[in-house]
Amino acid sequence: MFVVGVVCLCMAVLIGGSGIWTLTRPPSADVTGQVLRAVAPTQLAAAVMLIAGGAAALAAPPHTGLTVLIVCVLGAVGTIGAGSWQGARYAARREAESSCAGSCASCTLPCK
């Protein structure tokens, strides 16, 4: 359990560091930068979950630590997945809007 706890804590540092780095950069005008900035809070939330799981793996009795670790890792993966999905939906919506910026006759997408 010690190795799993340390790996979990290291992943938390990497994911949290990436989220903090993204939030400290100046806001971007392009869609990719906006999506990365929108996903950063979910990265920080996942890092907190991984810290809790790693700490439980190191400090709690083995059976309890493993259960908490599994729940925390699944929660972190689900959080990142949901944030990425929302970011992809936002990017797709922005891309569709920008492709019909001119006249509706020049694009194959229906105009709203």
PDB file of N, CA and C in Angstrom:
ATOM      1  N   MET A   1       0.816  -1.198   0.000  1.00  0.00           N
ATOM      2  CA  MET A   1       0.000   0.000   0.000  1.00  0.00           C
ATOM      3  C   MET A   1       0.860   1.262   0.000  1.00  0.00           C
ATOM      4  N   PHE A   2       2.072   1.144   0.521  1.00  0.00           N
ATOM      5  CA  PHE A   2       2.951   2.309   0.581  1.00  0.00           C
ATOM      6  C   PHE A   2       3.269   2.824  -0.819  1.00  0.00           C
ATOM      7  N   VAL A   3       3.610   1.926  -1.725  1.00  0.00           N
ATOM      8  CA  VAL A   3       3.976   2.330  -3.084  1.00  0.00           C
ATOM      9  C   VAL A   3       2.780   2.946  -3.801  1.00  0.00           C
ATOM     10  N   VAL A   4       1.617   2.340  -3.650  1.00  0.00           N
ATOM     11  CA  VAL A   4       0.410   2.868  -4.286  1.00  0.00           C
ATOM     12  C   VAL A   4       0.077   4.251  -3.738  1.00  0.00           C
ATOM     13  N   GLY A   5       0.226   4.442  -2.440  1.00  0.00           N
ATOM     14  CA  GLY A   5      -0.035   5.744  -1.837  1.00  0.00           C
ATOM     15  C   GLY A   5       0.916   6.809  -2.344  1.00  0.00           C
ATOM     16  N   VAL A   6       2.193   6.457  -2.484  1.00  0.00           N
ATOM     17  CA  VAL A   6       3.183   7.424  -2.978  1.00  0.00           C
ATOM     18  C   VAL A   6       2.915   7.757  -4.444  1.00  0.00           C
ATOM     19  N   VAL A   7       2.576   6.750  -5.243  1.00  0.00           N
ATOM     20  CA  VAL A   7       2.253   7.002  -6.654  1.00  0.00           C
ATOM     21  C   VAL A   7       1.027   7.906  -6.759  1.00  0.00           C
ATOM     22  N   CYS A   8       0.045   7.673  -5.930  1.00  0.00           N
ATOM     23  CA  CYS A   8      -1.157   8.491  -5.928  1.00  0.00           C
ATOM     24  C   CYS A   8      -0.833   9.947  -5.556  1.00  0.00           C
ATOM     25  N   LEU A   9       0.012  10.126  -4.583  1.00  0.00           N
ATOM     26  CA  LEU A   9       0.411  11.481  -4.187  1.00  0.00           C
ATOM     27  C   LEU A   9       1.215  12.160  -5.287  1.00  0.00           C
ATOM     28  N   CYS A  10       2.081  11.423  -5.961  1.00  0.00           N
ATOM     29  CA  CYS A  10       2.854  11.996  -7.066  1.00  0.00           C
ATOM     30  C   CYS A  10       1.946  12.406  -8.219  1.00  0.00           C
ATOM     31  N   MET A  11       0.960  11.584  -8.526  1.00  0.00           N
ATOM     32  CA  MET A  11       0.003  11.943  -9.577  1.00  0.00           C
ATOM     33  C   MET A  11      -0.796  13.188  -9.178  1.00  0.00           C
ATOM     34  N   ALA A  12      -1.117  13.300  -7.902  1.00  0.00           N
ATOM     35  CA  ALA A  12      -1.841  14.483  -7.431  1.00  0.00           C
ATOM     36  C   ALA A  12      -1.006  15.745  -7.637  1.00  0.00           C
ATOM     37  N   VAL A  13       0.287  15.657  -7.368  1.00  0.00           N
ATOM     38  CA  VAL A  13       1.167  16.808  -7.560  1.00  0.00           C
ATOM     39  C   VAL A  13       1.237  17.182  -9.040  1.00  0.00           C
ATOM     40  N   LEU A  14       1.353  16.188  -9.911  1.00  0.00           N
ATOM     41  CA  LEU A  14       1.436  16.466 -11.344  1.00  0.00           C
ATOM     42  C   LEU A  14       0.142  17.076 -11.887  1.00  0.00           C
ATOM     43  N   ILE A  15      -0.982  16.504 -11.527  1.00  0.00           N
ATOM     44  CA  ILE A  15      -2.265  17.000 -12.020  1.00  0.00           C
ATOM     45  C   ILE A  15      -2.576  18.379 -11.431  1.00  0.00           C
ATOM     46  N   GLY A  16      -2.342  18.539 -10.134  1.00  0.00           N
ATOM     47  CA  GLY A  16      -2.567  19.839  -9.503  1.00  0.00           C
ATOM     48  C   GLY A  16      -1.633  20.910 -10.044  1.00  0.00           C
ATOM     49  N   GLY A  17      -0.381  20.539 -10.263  1.00  0.00           N
ATOM     50  CA  GLY A  17       0.577  21.486 -10.834  1.00  0.00           C
ATOM     51  C   GLY A  17       0.184  21.936 -12.225  1.00  0.00           C
ATOM     52  N   SER A  18      -0.322  21.003 -13.021  1.00  0.00           N
ATOM     53  CA  SER A  18      -0.789  21.349 -14.360  1.00  0.00           C
ATOM     54  C   SER A  18      -1.974  22.301 -14.294  1.00  0.00           C
ATOM     55  N   GLY A  19      -2.894  22.054 -13.370  1.00  0.00           N
ATOM     56  CA  GLY A  19      -4.042  22.942 -13.217  1.00  0.00           C
ATOM     57  C   GLY A  19      -3.642  24.329 -12.749  1.00  0.00           C
ATOM     58  N   ILE A  20      -2.737  24.397 -11.792  1.00  0.00           N
ATOM     59  CA  ILE A  20      -2.275  25.699 -11.295  1.00  0.00           C
ATOM     60  C   ILE A  20      -1.518  26.448 -12.381  1.00  0.00           C
ATOM     61  N   TRP A  21      -0.681  25.737 -13.129  1.00  0.00           N
ATOM     62  CA  TRP A  21       0.085  26.361 -14.210  1.00  0.00           C
ATOM     63  C   TRP A  21      -0.858  26.952 -15.255  1.00  0.00           C
ATOM     64  N   THR A  22      -1.912  26.218 -15.594  1.00  0.00           N
ATOM     65  CA  THR A  22      -2.869  26.707 -16.580  1.00  0.00           C
ATOM     66  C   THR A  22      -3.612  27.937 -16.066  1.00  0.00           C
ATOM     67  N   LEU A  23      -3.970  27.938 -14.799  1.00  0.00           N
ATOM     68  CA  LEU A  23      -4.708  29.082 -14.247  1.00  0.00           C
ATOM     69  C   LEU A  23      -3.840  30.325 -14.085  1.00  0.00           C
ATOM     70  N   THR A  24      -2.532  30.169 -13.926  1.00  0.00           N
ATOM     71  CA  THR A  24      -1.664  31.326 -13.750  1.00  0.00           C
ATOM     72  C   THR A  24      -1.249  31.959 -15.071  1.00  0.00           C
ATOM     73  N   ARG A  25      -1.471  31.287 -16.177  1.00  0.00           N
ATOM     74  CA  ARG A  25      -1.163  31.867 -17.485  1.00  0.00           C
ATOM     75  C   ARG A  25      -2.240  32.883 -17.848  1.00  0.00           C
ATOM     76  N   PRO A  26      -1.891  33.859 -18.678  1.00  0.00           N
ATOM     77  CA  PRO A  26      -2.899  34.840 -19.072  1.00  0.00           C
ATOM     78  C   PRO A  26      -3.994  34.184 -19.917  1.00  0.00           C
ATOM     79  N   PRO A  27      -5.220  34.674 -19.798  1.00  0.00           N
ATOM     80  CA  PRO A  27      -6.314  34.095 -20.587  1.00  0.00           C
ATOM     81  C   PRO A  27      -6.022  34.187 -22.089  1.00  0.00           C
ATOM     82  N   SER A  28      -6.424  33.167 -22.801  1.00  0.00           N
ATOM     83  CA  SER A  28      -6.155  33.075 -24.228  1.00  0.00           C
ATOM     84  C   SER A  28      -7.412  33.399 -25.025  1.00  0.00           C
ATOM     85  N   ALA A  29      -7.219  33.889 -26.237  1.00  0.00           N
ATOM     86  CA  ALA A  29      -8.349  34.208 -27.101  1.00  0.00           C
ATOM     87  C   ALA A  29      -8.767  33.009 -27.935  1.00  0.00           C
ATOM     88  N   ASP A  30      -7.877  32.030 -28.120  1.00  0.00           N
ATOM     89  CA  ASP A  30      -8.243  30.885 -28.944  1.00  0.00           C
ATOM     90  C   ASP A  30      -9.028  29.854 -28.134  1.00  0.00           C
ATOM     91  N   VAL A  31      -9.750  28.998 -28.835  1.00  0.00           N
ATOM     92  CA  VAL A  31     -10.642  28.035 -28.192  1.00  0.00           C
ATOM     93  C   VAL A  31      -9.852  27.013 -27.377  1.00  0.00           C
ATOM     94  N   THR A  32      -8.704  26.592 -27.882  1.00  0.00           N
ATOM     95  CA  THR A  32      -7.905  25.592 -27.158  1.00  0.00           C
ATOM     96  C   THR A  32      -7.472  26.112 -25.796  1.00  0.00           C
ATOM     97  N   GLY A  33      -7.000  27.330 -25.743  1.00  0.00           N
ATOM     98  CA  GLY A  33      -6.596  27.918 -24.467  1.00  0.00           C
ATOM     99  C   GLY A  33      -7.761  28.087 -23.510  1.00  0.00           C
ATOM    100  N   GLN A  34      -8.916  28.435 -24.055  1.00  0.00           N
ATOM    101  CA  GLN A  34     -10.100  28.586 -23.216  1.00  0.00           C
ATOM    102  C   GLN A  34     -10.557  27.248 -22.647  1.00  0.00           C
ATOM    103  N   VAL A  35     -10.471  26.194 -23.453  1.00  0.00           N
ATOM    104  CA  VAL A  35     -10.858  24.863 -22.964  1.00  0.00           C
ATOM    105  C   VAL A  35      -9.880  24.390 -21.899  1.00  0.00           C
ATOM    106  N   LEU A  36      -8.586  24.592 -22.119  1.00  0.00           N
ATOM    107  CA  LEU A  36      -7.597  24.197 -21.108  1.00  0.00           C
ATOM    108  C   LEU A  36      -7.831  24.944 -19.802  1.00  0.00           C
ATOM    109  N   ARG A  37      -8.156  26.203 -19.891  1.00  0.00           N
ATOM    110  CA  ARG A  37      -8.421  26.985 -18.678  1.00  0.00           C
ATOM    111  C   ARG A  37      -9.705  26.525 -17.995  1.00  0.00           C
ATOM    112  N   ALA A  38     -10.688  26.090 -18.767  1.00  0.00           N
ATOM    113  CA  ALA A  38     -11.939  25.613 -18.188  1.00  0.00           C
ATOM    114  C   ALA A  38     -11.775  24.267 -17.496  1.00  0.00           C
ATOM    115  N   VAL A  39     -10.827  23.459 -17.951  1.00  0.00           N
ATOM    116  CA  VAL A  39     -10.600  22.140 -17.361  1.00  0.00           C
ATOM    117  C   VAL A  39      -9.713  22.229 -16.113  1.00  0.00           C
ATOM    118  N   ALA A  40      -9.011  23.322 -15.923  1.00  0.00           N
ATOM    119  CA  ALA A  40      -8.091  23.457 -14.798  1.00  0.00           C
ATOM    120  C   ALA A  40      -8.757  23.279 -13.426  1.00  0.00           C
ATOM    121  N   PRO A  41      -9.937  23.829 -13.157  1.00  0.00           N
ATOM    122  CA  PRO A  41     -10.551  23.579 -11.843  1.00  0.00           C
ATOM    123  C   PRO A  41     -10.865  22.103 -11.595  1.00  0.00           C
ATOM    124  N   THR A  42     -11.230  21.376 -12.645  1.00  0.00           N
ATOM    125  CA  THR A  42     -11.469  19.943 -12.454  1.00  0.00           C
ATOM    126  C   THR A  42     -10.169  19.211 -12.181  1.00  0.00           C
ATOM    127  N   GLN A  43      -9.066  19.703 -12.735  1.00  0.00           N
ATOM    128  CA  GLN A  43      -7.768  19.116 -12.416  1.00  0.00           C
ATOM    129  C   GLN A  43      -7.427  19.329 -10.945  1.00  0.00           C
ATOM    130  N   LEU A  44      -7.712  20.510 -10.442  1.00  0.00           N
ATOM    131  CA  LEU A  44      -7.437  20.771  -9.028  1.00  0.00           C
ATOM    132  C   LEU A  44      -8.323  19.912  -8.125  1.00  0.00           C
ATOM    133  N   ALA A  45      -9.579  19.736  -8.507  1.00  0.00           N
ATOM    134  CA  ALA A  45     -10.469  18.872  -7.725  1.00  0.00           C
ATOM    135  C   ALA A  45      -9.986  17.428  -7.740  1.00  0.00           C
ATOM    136  N   ALA A  46      -9.530  16.961  -8.891  1.00  0.00           N
ATOM    137  CA  ALA A  46      -8.999  15.596  -8.985  1.00  0.00           C
ATOM    138  C   ALA A  46      -7.732  15.454  -8.157  1.00  0.00           C
ATOM    139  N   ALA A  47      -6.907  16.483  -8.119  1.00  0.00           N
ATOM    140  CA  ALA A  47      -5.689  16.430  -7.313  1.00  0.00           C
ATOM    141  C   ALA A  47      -6.022  16.306  -5.829  1.00  0.00           C
ATOM    142  N   VAL A  48      -7.040  17.019  -5.392  1.00  0.00           N
ATOM    143  CA  VAL A  48      -7.459  16.922  -3.981  1.00  0.00           C
ATOM    144  C   VAL A  48      -7.950  15.506  -3.677  1.00  0.00           C
ATOM    145  N   MET A  49      -8.715  14.925  -4.601  1.00  0.00           N
ATOM    146  CA  MET A  49      -9.190  13.553  -4.393  1.00  0.00           C
ATOM    147  C   MET A  49      -8.027  12.570  -4.334  1.00  0.00           C
ATOM    148  N   LEU A  50      -7.039  12.756  -5.196  1.00  0.00           N
ATOM    149  CA  LEU A  50      -5.882  11.859  -5.192  1.00  0.00           C
ATOM    150  C   LEU A  50      -5.047  12.028  -3.927  1.00  0.00           C
ATOM    151  N   ILE A  51      -4.948  13.236  -3.417  1.00  0.00           N
ATOM    152  CA  ILE A  51      -4.239  13.458  -2.155  1.00  0.00           C
ATOM    153  C   ILE A  51      -4.944  12.720  -1.023  1.00  0.00           C
ATOM    154  N   ALA A  52      -6.274  12.812  -1.004  1.00  0.00           N
ATOM    155  CA  ALA A  52      -7.029  12.109   0.041  1.00  0.00           C
ATOM    156  C   ALA A  52      -6.843  10.601  -0.079  1.00  0.00           C
ATOM    157  N   GLY A  53      -6.882  10.081  -1.292  1.00  0.00           N
ATOM    158  CA  GLY A  53      -6.683   8.645  -1.490  1.00  0.00           C
ATOM    159  C   GLY A  53      -5.280   8.204  -1.127  1.00  0.00           C
ATOM    160  N   GLY A  54      -4.281   8.982  -1.507  1.00  0.00           N
ATOM    161  CA  GLY A  54      -2.901   8.642  -1.161  1.00  0.00           C
ATOM    162  C   GLY A  54      -2.648   8.699   0.329  1.00  0.00           C
ATOM    163  N   ALA A  55      -3.212   9.703   0.991  1.00  0.00           N
ATOM    164  CA  ALA A  55      -3.051   9.808   2.439  1.00  0.00           C
ATOM    165  C   ALA A  55      -3.739   8.647   3.153  1.00  0.00           C
ATOM    166  N   ALA A  56      -4.902   8.248   2.650  1.00  0.00           N
ATOM    167  CA  ALA A  56      -5.605   7.112   3.254  1.00  0.00           C
ATOM    168  C   ALA A  56      -4.830   5.822   3.038  1.00  0.00           C
ATOM    169  N   ALA A  57      -4.225   5.681   1.871  1.00  0.00           N
ATOM    170  CA  ALA A  57      -3.444   4.475   1.600  1.00  0.00           C
ATOM    171  C   ALA A  57      -2.225   4.391   2.512  1.00  0.00           C
ATOM    172  N   LEU A  58      -1.661   5.533   2.867  1.00  0.00           N
ATOM    173  CA  LEU A  58      -0.471   5.541   3.723  1.00  0.00           C
ATOM    174  C   LEU A  58      -0.812   5.425   5.208  1.00  0.00           C
ATOM    175  N   ALA A  59      -1.929   6.014   5.632  1.00  0.00           N
ATOM    176  CA  ALA A  59      -2.193   6.125   7.057  1.00  0.00           C
ATOM    177  C   ALA A  59      -3.230   5.150   7.606  1.00  0.00           C
ATOM    178  N   ALA A  60      -4.177   4.753   6.798  1.00  0.00           N
ATOM    179  CA  ALA A  60      -5.282   3.924   7.293  1.00  0.00           C
ATOM    180  C   ALA A  60      -4.901   2.445   7.285  1.00  0.00           C
ATOM    181  N   PRO A  61      -5.660   1.635   7.998  1.00  0.00           N
ATOM    182  CA  PRO A  61      -5.438   0.182   7.916  1.00  0.00           C
ATOM    183  C   PRO A  61      -5.609  -0.286   6.463  1.00  0.00           C
ATOM    184  N   PRO A  62      -4.946  -1.358   6.071  1.00  0.00           N
ATOM    185  CA  PRO A  62      -4.919  -1.764   4.657  1.00  0.00           C
ATOM    186  C   PRO A  62      -6.287  -1.891   3.990  1.00  0.00           C
ATOM    187  N   HIS A  63      -7.242  -2.530   4.646  1.00  0.00           N
ATOM    188  CA  HIS A  63      -8.550  -2.726   4.016  1.00  0.00           C
ATOM    189  C   HIS A  63      -9.273  -1.393   3.810  1.00  0.00           C
ATOM    190  N   THR A  64      -9.267  -0.551   4.804  1.00  0.00           N
ATOM    191  CA  THR A  64      -9.917   0.755   4.707  1.00  0.00           C
ATOM    192  C   THR A  64      -9.174   1.652   3.722  1.00  0.00           C
ATOM    193  N   GLY A  65      -7.856   1.627   3.786  1.00  0.00           N
ATOM    194  CA  GLY A  65      -7.053   2.447   2.883  1.00  0.00           C
ATOM    195  C   GLY A  65      -7.281   2.092   1.425  1.00  0.00           C
ATOM    196  N   LEU A  66      -7.381   0.800   1.141  1.00  0.00           N
ATOM    197  CA  LEU A  66      -7.618   0.366  -0.233  1.00  0.00           C
ATOM    198  C   LEU A  66      -8.989   0.804  -0.722  1.00  0.00           C
ATOM    199  N   THR A  67      -9.989   0.696   0.120  1.00  0.00           N
ATOM    200  CA  THR A  67     -11.336   1.111  -0.260  1.00  0.00           C
ATOM    201  C   THR A  67     -11.386   2.607  -0.544  1.00  0.00           C
ATOM    202  N   VAL A  68     -10.818   3.399   0.334  1.00  0.00           N
ATOM    203  CA  VAL A  68     -10.806   4.852   0.142  1.00  0.00           C
ATOM    204  C   VAL A  68      -9.987   5.213  -1.091  1.00  0.00           C
ATOM    205  N   LEU A  69      -8.881   4.532  -1.292  1.00  0.00           N
ATOM    206  CA  LEU A  69      -8.042   4.799  -2.452  1.00  0.00           C
ATOM    207  C   LEU A  69      -8.795   4.535  -3.755  1.00  0.00           C
ATOM    208  N   ILE A  70      -9.501   3.421  -3.829  1.00  0.00           N
ATOM    209  CA  ILE A  70     -10.258   3.092  -5.035  1.00  0.00           C
ATOM    210  C   ILE A  70     -11.342   4.132  -5.292  1.00  0.00           C
ATOM    211  N   VAL A  71     -12.068   4.515  -4.257  1.00  0.00           N
ATOM    212  CA  VAL A  71     -13.122   5.519  -4.413  1.00  0.00           C
ATOM    213  C   VAL A  71     -12.538   6.851  -4.869  1.00  0.00           C
ATOM    214  N   CYS A  72     -11.418   7.252  -4.290  1.00  0.00           N
ATOM    215  CA  CYS A  72     -10.811   8.535  -4.648  1.00  0.00           C
ATOM    216  C   CYS A  72     -10.266   8.526  -6.079  1.00  0.00           C
ATOM    217  N   VAL A  73      -9.637   7.447  -6.486  1.00  0.00           N
ATOM    218  CA  VAL A  73      -9.102   7.372  -7.852  1.00  0.00           C
ATOM    219  C   VAL A  73     -10.243   7.360  -8.861  1.00  0.00           C
ATOM    220  N   LEU A  74     -11.295   6.601  -8.604  1.00  0.00           N
ATOM    221  CA  LEU A  74     -12.444   6.598  -9.510  1.00  0.00           C
ATOM    222  C   LEU A  74     -13.105   7.971  -9.565  1.00  0.00           C
ATOM    223  N   GLY A  75     -13.191   8.645  -8.428  1.00  0.00           N
ATOM    224  CA  GLY A  75     -13.750   9.997  -8.409  1.00  0.00           C
ATOM    225  C   GLY A  75     -12.894  10.978  -9.199  1.00  0.00           C
ATOM    226  N   ALA A  76     -11.575  10.864  -9.072  1.00  0.00           N
ATOM    227  CA  ALA A  76     -10.674  11.759  -9.803  1.00  0.00           C
ATOM    228  C   ALA A  76     -10.771  11.517 -11.311  1.00  0.00           C
ATOM    229  N   VAL A  77     -10.798  10.259 -11.711  1.00  0.00           N
ATOM    230  CA  VAL A  77     -10.915   9.938 -13.141  1.00  0.00           C
ATOM    231  C   VAL A  77     -12.265  10.423 -13.681  1.00  0.00           C
ATOM    232  N   GLY A  78     -13.326  10.220 -12.924  1.00  0.00           N
ATOM    233  CA  GLY A  78     -14.640  10.687 -13.348  1.00  0.00           C
ATOM    234  C   GLY A  78     -14.714  12.204 -13.441  1.00  0.00           C
ATOM    235  N   THR A  79     -14.084  12.889 -12.515  1.00  0.00           N
ATOM    236  CA  THR A  79     -14.081  14.352 -12.527  1.00  0.00           C
ATOM    237  C   THR A  79     -13.337  14.887 -13.741  1.00  0.00           C
ATOM    238  N   ILE A  80     -12.163  14.341 -14.019  1.00  0.00           N
ATOM    239  CA  ILE A  80     -11.401  14.769 -15.191  1.00  0.00           C
ATOM    240  C   ILE A  80     -12.163  14.437 -16.471  1.00  0.00           C
ATOM    241  N   GLY A  81     -12.775  13.261 -16.500  1.00  0.00           N
ATOM    242  CA  GLY A  81     -13.545  12.876 -17.683  1.00  0.00           C
ATOM    243  C   GLY A  81     -14.719  13.807 -17.937  1.00  0.00           C
ATOM    244  N   ALA A  82     -15.449  14.149 -16.883  1.00  0.00           N
ATOM    245  CA  ALA A  82     -16.596  15.051 -17.030  1.00  0.00           C
ATOM    246  C   ALA A  82     -16.148  16.451 -17.449  1.00  0.00           C
ATOM    247  N   GLY A  83     -15.075  16.941 -16.860  1.00  0.00           N
ATOM    248  CA  GLY A  83     -14.566  18.260 -17.242  1.00  0.00           C
ATOM    249  C   GLY A  83     -14.066  18.293 -18.672  1.00  0.00           C
ATOM    250  N   SER A  84     -13.398  17.236 -19.100  1.00  0.00           N
ATOM    251  CA  SER A  84     -12.913  17.161 -20.479  1.00  0.00           C
ATOM    252  C   SER A  84     -14.077  17.077 -21.461  1.00  0.00           C
ATOM    253  N   TRP A  85     -15.108  16.319 -21.093  1.00  0.00           N
ATOM    254  CA  TRP A  85     -16.276  16.202 -21.955  1.00  0.00           C
ATOM    255  C   TRP A  85     -16.970  17.554 -22.119  1.00  0.00           C
ATOM    256  N   GLN A  86     -17.111  18.279 -21.014  1.00  0.00           N
ATOM    257  CA  GLN A  86     -17.735  19.609 -21.093  1.00  0.00           C
ATOM    258  C   GLN A  86     -16.874  20.554 -21.936  1.00  0.00           C
ATOM    259  N   GLY A  87     -15.556  20.474 -21.769  1.00  0.00           N
ATOM    260  CA  GLY A  87     -14.669  21.308 -22.574  1.00  0.00           C
ATOM    261  C   GLY A  87     -14.745  20.971 -24.051  1.00  0.00           C
ATOM    262  N   ALA A  88     -14.841  19.694 -24.381  1.00  0.00           N
ATOM    263  CA  ALA A  88     -14.961  19.286 -25.780  1.00  0.00           C
ATOM    264  C   ALA A  88     -16.285  19.754 -26.376  1.00  0.00           C
ATOM    265  N   ARG A  89     -17.359  19.687 -25.593  1.00  0.00           N
ATOM    266  CA  ARG A  89     -18.658  20.186 -26.078  1.00  0.00           C
ATOM    267  C   ARG A  89     -18.590  21.687 -26.351  1.00  0.00           C
ATOM    268  N   TYR A  90     -17.934  22.415 -25.469  1.00  0.00           N
ATOM    269  CA  TYR A  90     -17.782  23.857 -25.652  1.00  0.00           C
ATOM    270  C   TYR A  90     -16.977  24.149 -26.921  1.00  0.00           C
ATOM    271  N   ALA A  91     -15.870  23.426 -27.103  1.00  0.00           N
ATOM    272  CA  ALA A  91     -15.027  23.646 -28.276  1.00  0.00           C
ATOM    273  C   ALA A  91     -15.771  23.301 -29.559  1.00  0.00           C
ATOM    274  N   ALA A  92     -16.540  22.230 -29.561  1.00  0.00           N
ATOM    275  CA  ALA A  92     -17.299  21.851 -30.751  1.00  0.00           C
ATOM    276  C   ALA A  92     -18.368  22.892 -31.070  1.00  0.00           C
ATOM    277  N   ARG A  93     -19.003  23.409 -30.035  1.00  0.00           N
ATOM    278  CA  ARG A  93     -20.025  24.431 -30.246  1.00  0.00           C
ATOM    279  C   ARG A  93     -19.405  25.709 -30.809  1.00  0.00           C
ATOM    280  N   ARG A  94     -18.275  26.106 -30.275  1.00  0.00           N
ATOM    281  CA  ARG A  94     -17.583  27.305 -30.780  1.00  0.00           C
ATOM    282  C   ARG A  94     -17.097  27.105 -32.206  1.00  0.00           C
ATOM    283  N   GLU A  95     -16.613  25.911 -32.505  1.00  0.00           N
ATOM    284  CA  GLU A  95     -16.146  25.610 -33.855  1.00  0.00           C
ATOM    285  C   GLU A  95     -17.302  25.665 -34.853  1.00  0.00           C
ATOM    286  N   ALA A  96     -18.455  25.144 -34.465  1.00  0.00           N
ATOM    287  CA  ALA A  96     -19.627  25.178 -35.344  1.00  0.00           C
ATOM    288  C   ALA A  96     -20.101  26.608 -35.561  1.00  0.00           C
ATOM    289  N   GLU A  97     -20.036  27.430 -34.524  1.00  0.00           N
ATOM    290  CA  GLU A  97     -20.446  28.820 -34.658  1.00  0.00           C
ATOM    291  C   GLU A  97     -19.501  29.592 -35.566  1.00  0.00           C
ATOM    292  N   SER A  98     -18.206  29.330 -35.457  1.00  0.00           N
ATOM    293  CA  SER A  98     -17.235  30.073 -36.256  1.00  0.00           C
ATOM    294  C   SER A  98     -17.239  29.627 -37.710  1.00  0.00           C
ATOM    295  N   SER A  99     -17.662  28.396 -38.002  1.00  0.00           N
ATOM    296  CA  SER A  99     -17.675  27.946 -39.391  1.00  0.00           C
ATOM    297  C   SER A  99     -18.839  28.539 -40.159  1.00  0.00           C
ATOM    298  N   CYS A 100     -19.843  29.034 -39.496  1.00  0.00           N
ATOM    299  CA  CYS A 100     -20.998  29.675 -40.143  1.00  0.00           C
ATOM    300  C   CYS A 100     -20.995  31.181 -39.908  1.00  0.00           C
ATOM    301  N   ALA A 101     -19.819  31.754 -39.720  1.00  0.00           N
ATOM    302  CA  ALA A 101     -19.759  33.176 -39.396  1.00  0.00           C
ATOM    303  C   ALA A 101     -20.179  34.050 -40.565  1.00  0.00           C
ATOM    304  N   GLY A 102     -19.962  33.589 -41.795  1.00  0.00           N
ATOM    305  CA  GLY A 102     -20.335  34.379 -42.979  1.00  0.00           C
ATOM    306  C   GLY A 102     -21.782  34.130 -43.352  1.00  0.00           C
ATOM    307  N   SER A 103     -22.005  34.027 -44.641  1.00  0.00           N
ATOM    308  CA  SER A 103     -23.374  33.771 -45.083  1.00  0.00           C
ATOM    309  C   SER A 103     -23.701  32.299 -44.928  1.00  0.00           C
ATOM    310  N   CYS A 104     -24.957  32.011 -44.774  1.00  0.00           N
ATOM    311  CA  CYS A 104     -25.385  30.620 -44.604  1.00  0.00           C
ATOM    312  C   CYS A 104     -25.244  29.812 -45.887  1.00  0.00           C
ATOM    313  N   ALA A 105     -25.137  30.489 -47.013  1.00  0.00           N
ATOM    314  CA  ALA A 105     -24.992  29.778 -48.283  1.00  0.00           C
ATOM    315  C   ALA A 105     -23.617  29.146 -48.430  1.00  0.00           C
ATOM    316  N   SER A 106     -22.630  29.636 -47.681  1.00  0.00           N
ATOM    317  CA  SER A 106     -21.275  29.134 -47.847  1.00  0.00           C
ATOM    318  C   SER A 106     -20.955  27.954 -46.928  1.00  0.00           C
ATOM    319  N   CYS A 107     -21.847  27.579 -46.035  1.00  0.00           N
ATOM    320  CA  CYS A 107     -21.559  26.463 -45.137  1.00  0.00           C
ATOM    321  C   CYS A 107     -22.646  25.406 -45.250  1.00  0.00           C
ATOM    322  N   THR A 108     -22.283  24.205 -44.841  1.00  0.00           N
ATOM    323  CA  THR A 108     -23.222  23.096 -44.923  1.00  0.00           C
ATOM    324  C   THR A 108     -23.982  22.880 -43.632  1.00  0.00           C
ATOM    325  N   LEU A 109     -23.645  23.632 -42.599  1.00  0.00           N
ATOM    326  CA  LEU A 109     -24.315  23.502 -41.318  1.00  0.00           C
ATOM    327  C   LEU A 109     -25.551  24.390 -41.278  1.00  0.00           C
ATOM    328  N   PRO A 110     -26.589  23.966 -40.604  1.00  0.00           N
ATOM    329  CA  PRO A 110     -27.778  24.827 -40.525  1.00  0.00           C
ATOM    330  C   PRO A 110     -27.504  26.043 -39.634  1.00  0.00           C
ATOM    331  N   CYS A 111     -27.930  27.182 -40.101  1.00  0.00           N
ATOM    332  CA  CYS A 111     -27.758  28.400 -39.308  1.00  0.00           C
ATOM    333  C   CYS A 111     -28.900  28.530 -38.306  1.00  0.00           C
ATOM    334  N   LYS A 112     -28.604  29.167 -37.186  1.00  0.00           N
ATOM    335  CA  LYS A 112     -29.598  29.334 -36.131  1.00  0.00           C
ATOM    336  C   LYS A 112     -30.090  30.744 -36.109  1.00  0.00           C
TER     337      LYS A 112
END
